[in-house]
Amino acid sequence: MYVVFFSETFTCSHYRAPQLFIESLKNRSCSFVSYECDNWEEYKNKTCEKKDNSSQIGEMGYYSQKAPGRGKQFLYTNKDPPYCRGNTTDPPSKHCLQCQNTF
């Protein structure tokens, strides 16, 4: 079992990982929902291959092991707290789009 999360904020700022993890503990009203996809470009363009069940949906943070999603998981986060964007696949305003695909 493995989960690898990719977020545009991770590529911009590696120090943000602990902040995101802490928010996943403190803010249970918003889940860091992630989606399985082959690469960032497909996720950004919403062209990921969809499966017939919800096994592709994951959650980043402390509760990630309770979510069924495994493999490469992608999500958007906010630039500033609160970082969680819930289950949206819509990109945030262009706060960090220049940092994409730099990992």
Protein backbone atom coordinates (compact mmCIF):
# COMPACT_ATOMS: atom_id res chain seq x y z
CA MET A 1 0.00 0.00 0.00
CA TYR A 2 1.39 3.40 -0.93
CA VAL A 3 0.13 6.90 -1.53
CA VAL A 4 2.10 9.69 -3.15
CA PHE A 5 0.53 13.15 -3.01
CA PHE A 6 1.24 15.94 -5.45
CA SER A 7 0.07 19.48 -4.85
CA GLU A 8 1.11 22.69 -6.51
CA THR A 9 1.95 24.12 -3.09
CA PHE A 10 4.39 21.27 -2.38
CA THR A 11 6.32 22.13 -5.49
CA CYS A 12 6.42 25.79 -4.51
CA SER A 13 7.29 25.32 -0.87
CA HIS A 14 8.41 22.10 0.77
CA TYR A 15 8.15 23.63 4.25
CA ARG A 16 4.38 23.70 3.77
CA ALA A 17 4.03 19.90 4.22
CA PRO A 18 4.02 20.06 8.05
CA GLN A 19 1.49 22.91 7.94
CA LEU A 20 -0.82 20.89 5.71
CA PHE A 21 -0.49 17.85 7.95
CA ILE A 22 -1.29 19.90 11.06
CA GLU A 23 -4.33 21.41 9.36
CA SER A 24 -5.53 17.89 8.49
CA LEU A 25 -5.58 17.18 12.24
CA LYS A 26 -7.13 20.43 13.42
CA ASN A 27 -9.73 21.08 10.73
CA ARG A 28 -11.95 18.01 10.37
CA SER A 29 -14.68 20.09 8.74
CA CYS A 30 -12.60 20.11 5.54
CA SER A 31 -10.84 17.08 4.08
CA PHE A 32 -7.82 17.27 1.77
CA VAL A 33 -9.54 15.17 -0.90
CA SER A 34 -7.19 13.91 -3.61
CA TYR A 35 -7.72 12.11 -6.90
CA GLU A 36 -5.72 9.41 -8.65
CA CYS A 37 -4.16 10.48 -11.91
CA ASP A 38 -1.11 9.54 -13.97
CA ASN A 39 0.48 12.99 -13.91
CA TRP A 40 -0.01 16.64 -12.97
CA GLU A 41 -0.81 17.74 -16.52
CA GLU A 42 -3.73 15.30 -16.78
CA TYR A 43 -5.01 16.34 -13.36
CA LYS A 44 -4.74 20.04 -14.20
CA ASN A 45 -6.59 19.47 -17.50
CA LYS A 46 -9.16 17.16 -15.87
CA THR A 47 -8.34 14.32 -18.26
CA CYS A 48 -7.55 11.61 -15.69
CA GLU A 49 -8.94 8.21 -16.51
CA LYS A 50 -12.04 7.81 -14.35
CA LYS A 51 -12.79 4.48 -12.74
CA ASP A 52 -16.23 3.02 -12.15
CA ASN A 53 -15.92 3.24 -8.37
CA SER A 54 -14.59 5.62 -5.75
CA SER A 55 -11.37 3.66 -5.17
CA GLN A 56 -9.43 6.46 -6.87
CA ILE A 57 -10.37 9.07 -4.23
CA GLY A 58 -7.86 9.65 -1.45
CA GLU A 59 -7.26 12.05 1.39
CA MET A 60 -4.00 13.76 2.24
CA GLY A 61 -2.93 14.10 5.86
CA TYR A 62 -3.39 12.19 9.07
CA TYR A 63 -6.50 10.36 7.88
CA SER A 64 -5.07 9.27 4.52
CA GLN A 65 -5.02 5.58 5.43
CA LYS A 66 -8.80 5.59 5.94
CA ALA A 67 -9.41 6.76 2.36
CA PRO A 68 -9.40 4.12 -0.41
CA GLY A 69 -7.22 6.06 -2.89
CA ARG A 70 -3.70 4.73 -3.49
CA GLY A 71 -0.93 5.44 -5.95
CA LYS A 72 -0.33 8.91 -7.35
CA GLN A 73 -2.83 11.32 -5.81
CA PHE A 74 -3.26 14.96 -6.84
CA LEU A 75 -5.03 17.91 -5.23
CA TYR A 76 -5.13 21.68 -5.12
CA THR A 77 -4.57 23.60 -1.91
CA ASN A 78 -4.97 27.25 -1.02
CA LYS A 79 -1.91 29.49 -0.96
CA ASP A 80 -2.69 30.73 2.57
CA PRO A 81 -4.52 29.19 5.55
CA PRO A 82 -6.91 27.58 5.51
CA TYR A 83 -5.13 25.41 2.95
CA CYS A 84 -7.88 22.83 2.53
CA ARG A 85 -10.09 23.17 -0.56
CA GLY A 86 -12.23 20.09 0.09
CA ASN A 87 -13.16 17.93 -2.86
CA THR A 88 -12.81 20.54 -5.60
CA THR A 89 -10.79 19.78 -8.70
CA ASP A 90 -10.95 23.41 -9.82
CA PRO A 91 -7.63 25.21 -9.65
CA PRO A 92 -7.24 28.10 -7.24
CA SER A 93 -6.71 31.58 -8.60
CA LYS A 94 -3.33 31.86 -10.28
CA HIS A 95 -1.42 32.10 -6.98
CA CYS A 96 1.00 29.31 -7.74
CA LEU A 97 0.39 28.06 -11.24
CA GLN A 98 3.85 29.18 -12.33
CA CYS A 99 5.31 26.60 -9.94
CA GLN A 100 3.57 23.58 -11.44
CA ASN A 101 5.56 20.69 -12.84
CA THR A 102 8.76 21.63 -11.05
CA PHE A 103 9.13 18.47 -8.97
